[in-house]
Full PDB file with SEQRES, HELIX, SHEET, SSBOND, CRYST1, ORIGX, SCALE, CONECT and MASTER records, all heavy atoms in Angstrom:
SEQRES   1 A   37  ALA ALA LEU ARG ALA GLY ALA ALA GLY PHE LEU LEU LYS          
SEQRES   2 A   37  ASN SER HIS PRO ASP GLN LEU ALA GLN ALA ILE ARG ALA          
SEQRES   3 A   37  ALA ALA GLY GLY GLU ALA VAL LEU ALA PRO SER                  
HELIX    1 AA1 PRO A   17  ALA A   28  1                                  12    
SHEET    1 AA1 2 GLY A   9  PHE A  10  0                                        
SHEET    2 AA1 2 VAL A  33  LEU A  34  1                                        
CRYST1    1.000    1.000    1.000  90.00  90.00  90.00 P 1           1          
ORIGX1      1.000000  0.000000  0.000000        0.00000                         
ORIGX2      0.000000  1.000000  0.000000        0.00000                         
ORIGX3      0.000000  0.000000  1.000000        0.00000                         
SCALE1      1.000000  0.000000  0.000000        0.00000                         
SCALE2      0.000000  1.000000  0.000000        0.00000                         
SCALE3      0.000000  0.000000  1.000000        0.00000                         
ATOM      1  N   ALA A   1     -21.932 -50.495 -32.347  1.00  0.00           N  
ATOM      2  CA  ALA A   1     -21.122 -49.673 -33.249  1.00  0.00           C  
ATOM      3  C   ALA A   1     -22.006 -48.867 -34.193  1.00  0.00           C  
ATOM      4  O   ALA A   1     -21.763 -47.677 -34.417  1.00  0.00           O  
ATOM      5  CB  ALA A   1     -20.169 -50.556 -34.044  1.00  0.00           C  
ATOM      6  N   ALA A   2     -23.044 -49.481 -34.735  1.00  0.00           N  
ATOM      7  CA  ALA A   2     -23.939 -48.781 -35.656  1.00  0.00           C  
ATOM      8  C   ALA A   2     -24.676 -47.648 -34.947  1.00  0.00           C  
ATOM      9  O   ALA A   2     -24.776 -46.529 -35.474  1.00  0.00           O  
ATOM     10  CB  ALA A   2     -24.937 -49.763 -36.269  1.00  0.00           C  
ATOM     11  N   LEU A   3     -25.174 -47.907 -33.747  1.00  0.00           N  
ATOM     12  CA  LEU A   3     -25.909 -46.866 -33.013  1.00  0.00           C  
ATOM     13  C   LEU A   3     -24.981 -45.745 -32.571  1.00  0.00           C  
ATOM     14  O   LEU A   3     -25.343 -44.565 -32.640  1.00  0.00           O  
ATOM     15  CB  LEU A   3     -26.652 -47.479 -31.829  1.00  0.00           C  
ATOM     16  CG  LEU A   3     -27.742 -48.486 -32.204  1.00  0.00           C  
ATOM     17  CD1 LEU A   3     -28.346 -49.120 -30.958  1.00  0.00           C  
ATOM     18  CD2 LEU A   3     -28.809 -47.848 -33.073  1.00  0.00           C  
ATOM     19  N   ARG A   4     -23.772 -46.091 -32.133  1.00  0.00           N  
ATOM     20  CA  ARG A   4     -22.797 -45.053 -31.756  1.00  0.00           C  
ATOM     21  C   ARG A   4     -22.385 -44.214 -32.954  1.00  0.00           C  
ATOM     22  O   ARG A   4     -22.057 -43.050 -32.819  1.00  0.00           O  
ATOM     23  CB  ARG A   4     -21.576 -45.680 -31.113  1.00  0.00           C  
ATOM     24  CG  ARG A   4     -21.825 -46.153 -29.712  1.00  0.00           C  
ATOM     25  CD  ARG A   4     -20.579 -46.723 -29.087  1.00  0.00           C  
ATOM     26  NE  ARG A   4     -20.859 -47.134 -27.730  1.00  0.00           N  
ATOM     27  CZ  ARG A   4     -20.308 -48.166 -27.136  1.00  0.00           C  
ATOM     28  NH1 ARG A   4     -19.397 -48.896 -27.776  1.00  0.00           N  
ATOM     29  NH2 ARG A   4     -20.619 -48.477 -25.897  1.00  0.00           N  
ATOM     30  N   ALA A   5     -22.408 -44.820 -34.135  1.00  0.00           N  
ATOM     31  CA  ALA A   5     -22.048 -44.093 -35.353  1.00  0.00           C  
ATOM     32  C   ALA A   5     -23.157 -43.142 -35.807  1.00  0.00           C  
ATOM     33  O   ALA A   5     -22.928 -42.305 -36.669  1.00  0.00           O  
ATOM     34  CB  ALA A   5     -21.731 -45.076 -36.471  1.00  0.00           C  
ATOM     35  N   GLY A   6     -24.330 -43.279 -35.214  1.00  0.00           N  
ATOM     36  CA  GLY A   6     -25.423 -42.369 -35.552  1.00  0.00           C  
ATOM     37  C   GLY A   6     -26.605 -43.003 -36.246  1.00  0.00           C  
ATOM     38  O   GLY A   6     -27.516 -42.297 -36.686  1.00  0.00           O  
ATOM     39  N   ALA A   7     -26.643 -44.324 -36.352  1.00  0.00           N  
ATOM     40  CA  ALA A   7     -27.773 -44.987 -36.999  1.00  0.00           C  
ATOM     41  C   ALA A   7     -29.055 -44.726 -36.214  1.00  0.00           C  
ATOM     42  O   ALA A   7     -29.051 -44.714 -34.986  1.00  0.00           O  
ATOM     43  CB  ALA A   7     -27.530 -46.489 -37.103  1.00  0.00           C  
ATOM     44  N   ALA A   8     -30.138 -44.526 -36.941  1.00  0.00           N  
ATOM     45  CA  ALA A   8     -31.443 -44.323 -36.321  1.00  0.00           C  
ATOM     46  C   ALA A   8     -32.100 -45.651 -35.976  1.00  0.00           C  
ATOM     47  O   ALA A   8     -33.070 -45.688 -35.230  1.00  0.00           O  
ATOM     48  CB  ALA A   8     -32.352 -43.535 -37.260  1.00  0.00           C  
ATOM     49  N   GLY A   9     -31.565 -46.723 -36.526  1.00  0.00           N  
ATOM     50  CA  GLY A   9     -32.164 -48.015 -36.256  1.00  0.00           C  
ATOM     51  C   GLY A   9     -31.324 -49.155 -36.756  1.00  0.00           C  
ATOM     52  O   GLY A   9     -30.342 -48.962 -37.477  1.00  0.00           O  
ATOM     53  N   PHE A  10     -31.746 -50.346 -36.370  1.00  0.00           N  
ATOM     54  CA  PHE A  10     -31.010 -51.555 -36.690  1.00  0.00           C  
ATOM     55  C   PHE A  10     -32.008 -52.680 -36.885  1.00  0.00           C  
ATOM     56  O   PHE A  10     -32.707 -53.069 -35.953  1.00  0.00           O  
ATOM     57  CB  PHE A  10     -30.063 -51.886 -35.529  1.00  0.00           C  
ATOM     58  CG  PHE A  10     -29.088 -52.968 -35.822  1.00  0.00           C  
ATOM     59  CD1 PHE A  10     -27.808 -52.664 -36.250  1.00  0.00           C  
ATOM     60  CD2 PHE A  10     -29.433 -54.296 -35.662  1.00  0.00           C  
ATOM     61  CE1 PHE A  10     -26.886 -53.664 -36.513  1.00  0.00           C  
ATOM     62  CE2 PHE A  10     -28.522 -55.307 -35.917  1.00  0.00           C  
ATOM     63  CZ  PHE A  10     -27.244 -54.997 -36.348  1.00  0.00           C  
ATOM     64  N   LEU A  11     -32.099 -53.185 -38.116  1.00  0.00           N  
ATOM     65  CA  LEU A  11     -32.996 -54.288 -38.433  1.00  0.00           C  
ATOM     66  C   LEU A  11     -32.227 -55.398 -39.133  1.00  0.00           C  
ATOM     67  O   LEU A  11     -31.187 -55.152 -39.741  1.00  0.00           O  
ATOM     68  CB  LEU A  11     -34.129 -53.836 -39.355  1.00  0.00           C  
ATOM     69  CG  LEU A  11     -35.244 -53.013 -38.738  1.00  0.00           C  
ATOM     70  CD1 LEU A  11     -36.274 -52.667 -39.812  1.00  0.00           C  
ATOM     71  CD2 LEU A  11     -35.910 -53.739 -37.601  1.00  0.00           C  
ATOM     72  N   LEU A  12     -32.787 -56.581 -39.077  1.00  0.00           N  
ATOM     73  CA  LEU A  12     -32.188 -57.716 -39.751  1.00  0.00           C  
ATOM     74  C   LEU A  12     -32.827 -57.898 -41.117  1.00  0.00           C  
ATOM     75  O   LEU A  12     -34.000 -57.571 -41.323  1.00  0.00           O  
ATOM     76  CB  LEU A  12     -32.372 -58.970 -38.906  1.00  0.00           C  
ATOM     77  CG  LEU A  12     -31.748 -58.869 -37.510  1.00  0.00           C  
ATOM     78  CD1 LEU A  12     -32.103 -60.096 -36.683  1.00  0.00           C  
ATOM     79  CD2 LEU A  12     -30.251 -58.684 -37.609  1.00  0.00           C  
ATOM     80  N   LYS A  13     -32.043 -58.472 -42.034  1.00  0.00           N  
ATOM     81  CA  LYS A  13     -32.530 -58.638 -43.405  1.00  0.00           C  
ATOM     82  C   LYS A  13     -33.696 -59.612 -43.498  1.00  0.00           C  
ATOM     83  O   LYS A  13     -34.428 -59.587 -44.481  1.00  0.00           O  
ATOM     84  CB  LYS A  13     -31.394 -59.084 -44.325  1.00  0.00           C  
ATOM     85  CG  LYS A  13     -30.436 -57.962 -44.626  1.00  0.00           C  
ATOM     86  CD  LYS A  13     -29.405 -58.375 -45.646  1.00  0.00           C  
ATOM     87  CE  LYS A  13     -28.486 -57.203 -45.947  1.00  0.00           C  
ATOM     88  NZ  LYS A  13     -27.476 -57.567 -46.953  1.00  0.00           N  
ATOM     89  N   ASN A  14     -33.902 -60.422 -42.487  1.00  0.00           N  
ATOM     90  CA  ASN A  14     -35.036 -61.333 -42.520  1.00  0.00           C  
ATOM     91  C   ASN A  14     -36.306 -60.697 -41.940  1.00  0.00           C  
ATOM     92  O   ASN A  14     -37.304 -61.375 -41.725  1.00  0.00           O  
ATOM     93  CB  ASN A  14     -34.720 -62.651 -41.810  1.00  0.00           C  
ATOM     94  CG  ASN A  14     -34.483 -62.478 -40.317  1.00  0.00           C  
ATOM     95  OD1 ASN A  14     -34.461 -61.369 -39.794  1.00  0.00           O  
ATOM     96  ND2 ASN A  14     -34.275 -63.595 -39.635  1.00  0.00           N  
ATOM     97  N   SER A  15     -36.282 -59.382 -41.709  1.00  0.00           N  
ATOM     98  CA  SER A  15     -37.463 -58.674 -41.206  1.00  0.00           C  
ATOM     99  C   SER A  15     -38.581 -58.747 -42.236  1.00  0.00           C  
ATOM    100  O   SER A  15     -38.335 -58.707 -43.446  1.00  0.00           O  
ATOM    101  CB  SER A  15     -37.128 -57.203 -40.925  1.00  0.00           C  
ATOM    102  OG  SER A  15     -36.149 -57.097 -39.930  1.00  0.00           O  
ATOM    103  N   HIS A  16     -39.790 -58.818 -41.751  1.00  0.00           N  
ATOM    104  CA  HIS A  16     -40.961 -58.841 -42.632  1.00  0.00           C  
ATOM    105  C   HIS A  16     -41.040 -57.498 -43.365  1.00  0.00           C  
ATOM    106  O   HIS A  16     -40.720 -56.452 -42.797  1.00  0.00           O  
ATOM    107  CB  HIS A  16     -42.222 -59.064 -41.795  1.00  0.00           C  
ATOM    108  CG  HIS A  16     -43.431 -59.321 -42.611  1.00  0.00           C  
ATOM    109  ND1 HIS A  16     -44.194 -58.308 -43.137  1.00  0.00           N  
ATOM    110  CD2 HIS A  16     -43.999 -60.485 -43.020  1.00  0.00           C  
ATOM    111  CE1 HIS A  16     -45.195 -58.832 -43.824  1.00  0.00           C  
ATOM    112  NE2 HIS A  16     -45.099 -60.158 -43.768  1.00  0.00           N  
ATOM    113  N   PRO A  17     -41.447 -57.498 -44.630  1.00  0.00           N  
ATOM    114  CA  PRO A  17     -41.541 -56.238 -45.390  1.00  0.00           C  
ATOM    115  C   PRO A  17     -42.383 -55.165 -44.695  1.00  0.00           C  
ATOM    116  O   PRO A  17     -42.040 -53.981 -44.751  1.00  0.00           O  
ATOM    117  CB  PRO A  17     -42.177 -56.664 -46.716  1.00  0.00           C  
ATOM    118  CG  PRO A  17     -41.771 -58.090 -46.879  1.00  0.00           C  
ATOM    119  CD  PRO A  17     -41.752 -58.664 -45.477  1.00  0.00           C  
ATOM    120  N   ASP A  18     -43.455 -55.560 -44.016  1.00  0.00           N  
ATOM    121  CA  ASP A  18     -44.270 -54.580 -43.289  1.00  0.00           C  
ATOM    122  C   ASP A  18     -43.479 -53.946 -42.149  1.00  0.00           C  
ATOM    123  O   ASP A  18     -43.596 -52.750 -41.881  1.00  0.00           O  
ATOM    124  CB  ASP A  18     -45.539 -55.216 -42.733  1.00  0.00           C  
ATOM    125  CG  ASP A  18     -46.529 -55.603 -43.812  1.00  0.00           C  
ATOM    126  OD1 ASP A  18     -46.436 -55.059 -44.944  1.00  0.00           O  
ATOM    127  OD2 ASP A  18     -47.400 -56.459 -43.540  1.00  0.00           O  
ATOM    128  N   GLN A  19     -42.677 -54.769 -41.463  1.00  0.00           N  
ATOM    129  CA  GLN A  19     -41.844 -54.248 -40.376  1.00  0.00           C  
ATOM    130  C   GLN A  19     -40.798 -53.288 -40.919  1.00  0.00           C  
ATOM    131  O   GLN A  19     -40.531 -52.247 -40.314  1.00  0.00           O  
ATOM    132  CB  GLN A  19     -41.165 -55.411 -39.642  1.00  0.00           C  
ATOM    133  CG  GLN A  19     -40.353 -54.977 -38.440  1.00  0.00           C  
ATOM    134  CD  GLN A  19     -39.640 -56.140 -37.783  1.00  0.00           C  
ATOM    135  OE1 GLN A  19     -39.387 -57.180 -38.412  1.00  0.00           O  
ATOM    136  NE2 GLN A  19     -39.304 -55.983 -36.521  1.00  0.00           N  
ATOM    137  N   LEU A  20     -40.232 -53.622 -42.055  1.00  0.00           N  
ATOM    138  CA  LEU A  20     -39.241 -52.750 -42.683  1.00  0.00           C  
ATOM    139  C   LEU A  20     -39.869 -51.414 -43.081  1.00  0.00           C  
ATOM    140  O   LEU A  20     -39.311 -50.348 -42.812  1.00  0.00           O  
ATOM    141  CB  LEU A  20     -38.611 -53.438 -43.888  1.00  0.00           C  
ATOM    142  CG  LEU A  20     -37.555 -52.648 -44.648  1.00  0.00           C  
ATOM    143  CD1 LEU A  20     -36.423 -52.210 -43.739  1.00  0.00           C  
ATOM    144  CD2 LEU A  20     -37.024 -53.479 -45.812  1.00  0.00           C  
ATOM    145  N   ALA A  21     -41.047 -51.467 -43.691  1.00  0.00           N  
ATOM    146  CA  ALA A  21     -41.734 -50.222 -44.085  1.00  0.00           C  
ATOM    147  C   ALA A  21     -42.056 -49.370 -42.868  1.00  0.00           C  
ATOM    148  O   ALA A  21     -41.861 -48.147 -42.883  1.00  0.00           O  
ATOM    149  CB  ALA A  21     -43.004 -50.560 -44.860  1.00  0.00           C  
ATOM    150  N   GLN A  22     -42.531 -49.995 -41.796  1.00  0.00           N  
ATOM    151  CA  GLN A  22     -42.835 -49.259 -40.569  1.00  0.00           C  
ATOM    152  C   GLN A  22     -41.563 -48.654 -39.972  1.00  0.00           C  
ATOM    153  O   GLN A  22     -41.570 -47.514 -39.499  1.00  0.00           O  
ATOM    154  CB  GLN A  22     -43.500 -50.186 -39.567  1.00  0.00           C  
ATOM    155  CG  GLN A  22     -43.905 -49.499 -38.280  1.00  0.00           C  
ATOM    156  CD  GLN A  22     -44.572 -50.459 -37.308  1.00  0.00           C  
ATOM    157  OE1 GLN A  22     -44.693 -51.653 -37.562  1.00  0.00           O  
ATOM    158  NE2 GLN A  22     -45.003 -49.934 -36.181  1.00  0.00           N  
ATOM    159  N   ALA A  23     -40.461 -49.391 -40.020  1.00  0.00           N  
ATOM    160  CA  ALA A  23     -39.187 -48.899 -39.488  1.00  0.00           C  
ATOM    161  C   ALA A  23     -38.685 -47.700 -40.280  1.00  0.00           C  
ATOM    162  O   ALA A  23     -38.173 -46.734 -39.708  1.00  0.00           O  
ATOM    163  CB  ALA A  23     -38.147 -50.016 -39.494  1.00  0.00           C  
ATOM    164  N   ILE A  24     -38.839 -47.739 -41.585  1.00  0.00           N  
ATOM    165  CA  ILE A  24     -38.419 -46.611 -42.425  1.00  0.00           C  
ATOM    166  C   ILE A  24     -39.229 -45.366 -42.062  1.00  0.00           C  
ATOM    167  O   ILE A  24     -38.678 -44.283 -41.898  1.00  0.00           O  
ATOM    168  CB  ILE A  24     -38.558 -46.961 -43.918  1.00  0.00           C  
ATOM    169  CG1 ILE A  24     -37.519 -48.022 -44.294  1.00  0.00           C  
ATOM    170  CG2 ILE A  24     -38.411 -45.711 -44.789  1.00  0.00           C  
ATOM    171  CD1 ILE A  24     -37.743 -48.648 -45.655  1.00  0.00           C  
ATOM    172  N   ARG A  25     -40.536 -45.530 -41.917  1.00  0.00           N  
ATOM    173  CA  ARG A  25     -41.379 -44.381 -41.535  1.00  0.00           C  
ATOM    174  C   ARG A  25     -40.991 -43.846 -40.161  1.00  0.00           C  
ATOM    175  O   ARG A  25     -40.906 -42.637 -39.953  1.00  0.00           O  
ATOM    176  CB  ARG A  25     -42.855 -44.776 -41.565  1.00  0.00           C  
ATOM    177  CG  ARG A  25     -43.425 -44.912 -42.965  1.00  0.00           C  
ATOM    178  CD  ARG A  25     -44.946 -45.059 -42.948  1.00  0.00           C  
ATOM    179  NE  ARG A  25     -45.377 -46.313 -42.349  1.00  0.00           N  
ATOM    180  CZ  ARG A  25     -45.500 -47.466 -42.998  1.00  0.00           C  
ATOM    181  NH1 ARG A  25     -45.223 -47.527 -44.294  1.00  0.00           N  
ATOM    182  NH2 ARG A  25     -45.903 -48.553 -42.372  1.00  0.00           N  
ATOM    183  N   ALA A  26     -40.752 -44.749 -39.219  1.00  0.00           N  
ATOM    184  CA  ALA A  26     -40.374 -44.326 -37.870  1.00  0.00           C  
ATOM    185  C   ALA A  26     -39.037 -43.589 -37.872  1.00  0.00           C  
ATOM    186  O   ALA A  26     -38.909 -42.521 -37.259  1.00  0.00           O  
ATOM    187  CB  ALA A  26     -40.309 -45.539 -36.941  1.00  0.00           C  
ATOM    188  N   ALA A  27     -38.047 -44.131 -38.558  1.00  0.00           N  
ATOM    189  CA  ALA A  27     -36.733 -43.481 -38.619  1.00  0.00           C  
ATOM    190  C   ALA A  27     -36.835 -42.122 -39.310  1.00  0.00           C  
ATOM    191  O   ALA A  27     -36.237 -41.143 -38.857  1.00  0.00           O  
ATOM    192  CB  ALA A  27     -35.728 -44.369 -39.339  1.00  0.00           C  
ATOM    193  N   ALA A  28     -37.608 -42.051 -40.376  1.00  0.00           N  
ATOM    194  CA  ALA A  28     -37.784 -40.776 -41.079  1.00  0.00           C  
ATOM    195  C   ALA A  28     -38.456 -39.745 -40.179  1.00  0.00           C  
ATOM    196  O   ALA A  28     -38.199 -38.550 -40.305  1.00  0.00           O  
ATOM    197  CB  ALA A  28     -38.604 -40.987 -42.348  1.00  0.00           C  
ATOM    198  N   GLY A  29     -39.270 -40.215 -39.253  1.00  0.00           N  
ATOM    199  CA  GLY A  29     -39.939 -39.318 -38.318  1.00  0.00           C  
ATOM    200  C   GLY A  29     -39.128 -38.997 -37.078  1.00  0.00           C  
ATOM    201  O   GLY A  29     -39.608 -38.354 -36.156  1.00  0.00           O  
ATOM    202  N   GLY A  30     -37.891 -39.477 -37.031  1.00  0.00           N  
ATOM    203  CA  GLY A  30     -37.018 -39.153 -35.905  1.00  0.00           C  
ATOM    204  C   GLY A  30     -37.029 -40.168 -34.772  1.00  0.00           C  
ATOM    205  O   GLY A  30     -36.410 -39.956 -33.739  1.00  0.00           O  
ATOM    206  N   GLU A  31     -37.723 -41.276 -34.956  1.00  0.00           N  
ATOM    207  CA  GLU A  31     -37.777 -42.305 -33.920  1.00  0.00           C  
ATOM    208  C   GLU A  31     -36.627 -43.288 -34.073  1.00  0.00           C  
ATOM    209  O   GLU A  31     -36.046 -43.418 -35.149  1.00  0.00           O  
ATOM    210  CB  GLU A  31     -39.109 -43.062 -34.007  1.00  0.00           C  
ATOM    211  CG  GLU A  31     -40.325 -42.196 -33.782  1.00  0.00           C  
ATOM    212  CD  GLU A  31     -40.387 -41.621 -32.388  1.00  0.00           C  
ATOM    213  OE1 GLU A  31     -39.977 -42.311 -31.430  1.00  0.00           O  
ATOM    214  OE2 GLU A  31     -40.841 -40.475 -32.250  1.00  0.00           O  
ATOM    215  N   ALA A  32     -36.344 -44.009 -33.014  1.00  0.00           N  
ATOM    216  CA  ALA A  32     -35.336 -45.064 -33.050  1.00  0.00           C  
ATOM    217  C   ALA A  32     -36.029 -46.403 -33.275  1.00  0.00           C  
ATOM    218  O   ALA A  32     -37.149 -46.606 -32.809  1.00  0.00           O  
ATOM    219  CB  ALA A  32     -34.568 -45.094 -31.732  1.00  0.00           C  
ATOM    220  N   VAL A  33     -35.368 -47.287 -33.983  1.00  0.00           N  
ATOM    221  CA  VAL A  33     -35.952 -48.582 -34.329  1.00  0.00           C  
ATOM    222  C   VAL A  33     -34.926 -49.680 -34.096  1.00  0.00           C  
ATOM    223  O   VAL A  33     -33.783 -49.556 -34.522  1.00  0.00           O  
ATOM    224  CB  VAL A  33     -36.372 -48.612 -35.822  1.00  0.00           C  
ATOM    225  CG1 VAL A  33     -36.995 -49.939 -36.177  1.00  0.00           C  
ATOM    226  CG2 VAL A  33     -37.301 -47.468 -36.150  1.00  0.00           C  
ATOM    227  N   LEU A  34     -35.346 -50.745 -33.421  1.00  0.00           N  
ATOM    228  CA  LEU A  34     -34.474 -51.898 -33.219  1.00  0.00           C  
ATOM    229  C   LEU A  34     -35.237 -53.171 -33.555  1.00  0.00           C  
ATOM    230  O   LEU A  34     -36.437 -53.272 -33.286  1.00  0.00           O  
ATOM    231  CB  LEU A  34     -33.998 -51.987 -31.768  1.00  0.00           C  
ATOM    232  CG  LEU A  34     -33.081 -50.881 -31.280  1.00  0.00           C  
ATOM    233  CD1 LEU A  34     -32.814 -51.047 -29.795  1.00  0.00           C  
ATOM    234  CD2 LEU A  34     -31.781 -50.874 -32.059  1.00  0.00           C  
ATOM    235  N   ALA A  35     -34.529 -54.136 -34.097  1.00  0.00           N  
ATOM    236  CA  ALA A  35     -35.120 -55.448 -34.335  1.00  0.00           C  
ATOM    237  C   ALA A  35     -35.595 -56.003 -33.003  1.00  0.00           C  
ATOM    238  O   ALA A  35     -34.964 -55.785 -31.965  1.00  0.00           O  
ATOM    239  CB  ALA A  35     -34.084 -56.380 -34.957  1.00  0.00           C  
ATOM    240  N   PRO A  36     -36.725 -56.709 -32.978  1.00  0.00           N  
ATOM    241  CA  PRO A  36     -37.229 -57.251 -31.716  1.00  0.00           C  
ATOM    242  C   PRO A  36     -36.205 -58.074 -30.941  1.00  0.00           C  
ATOM    243  O   PRO A  36     -36.116 -57.962 -29.720  1.00  0.00           O  
ATOM    244  CB  PRO A  36     -38.421 -58.108 -32.153  1.00  0.00           C  
ATOM    245  CG  PRO A  36     -38.893 -57.459 -33.407  1.00  0.00           C  
ATOM    246  CD  PRO A  36     -37.635 -56.977 -34.095  1.00  0.00           C  
ATOM    247  N   SER A  37     -35.407 -58.874 -31.617  1.00  0.00           N  
ATOM    248  CA  SER A  37     -34.408 -59.681 -30.918  1.00  0.00           C  
ATOM    249  C   SER A  37     -33.329 -58.810 -30.275  1.00  0.00           C  
ATOM    250  O   SER A  37     -32.835 -59.105 -29.187  1.00  0.00           O  
ATOM    251  CB  SER A  37     -33.763 -60.690 -31.867  1.00  0.00           C  
ATOM    252  OG  SER A  37     -33.160 -60.022 -32.959  1.00  0.00           O  
TER     253      SER A  37                                                      
MASTER        0    0    0    1    2    0    0    6  252    1    0    3          
END                                                                             
């Protein structure tokens, strides 16, 4: 539902802060991001 709505990515709140920062940069650059699971 989130991806169909237009989300650039989907992460879980238990993601490591470094992973979150990398995901923000990737999404801002137009990339798609998904939690490893």
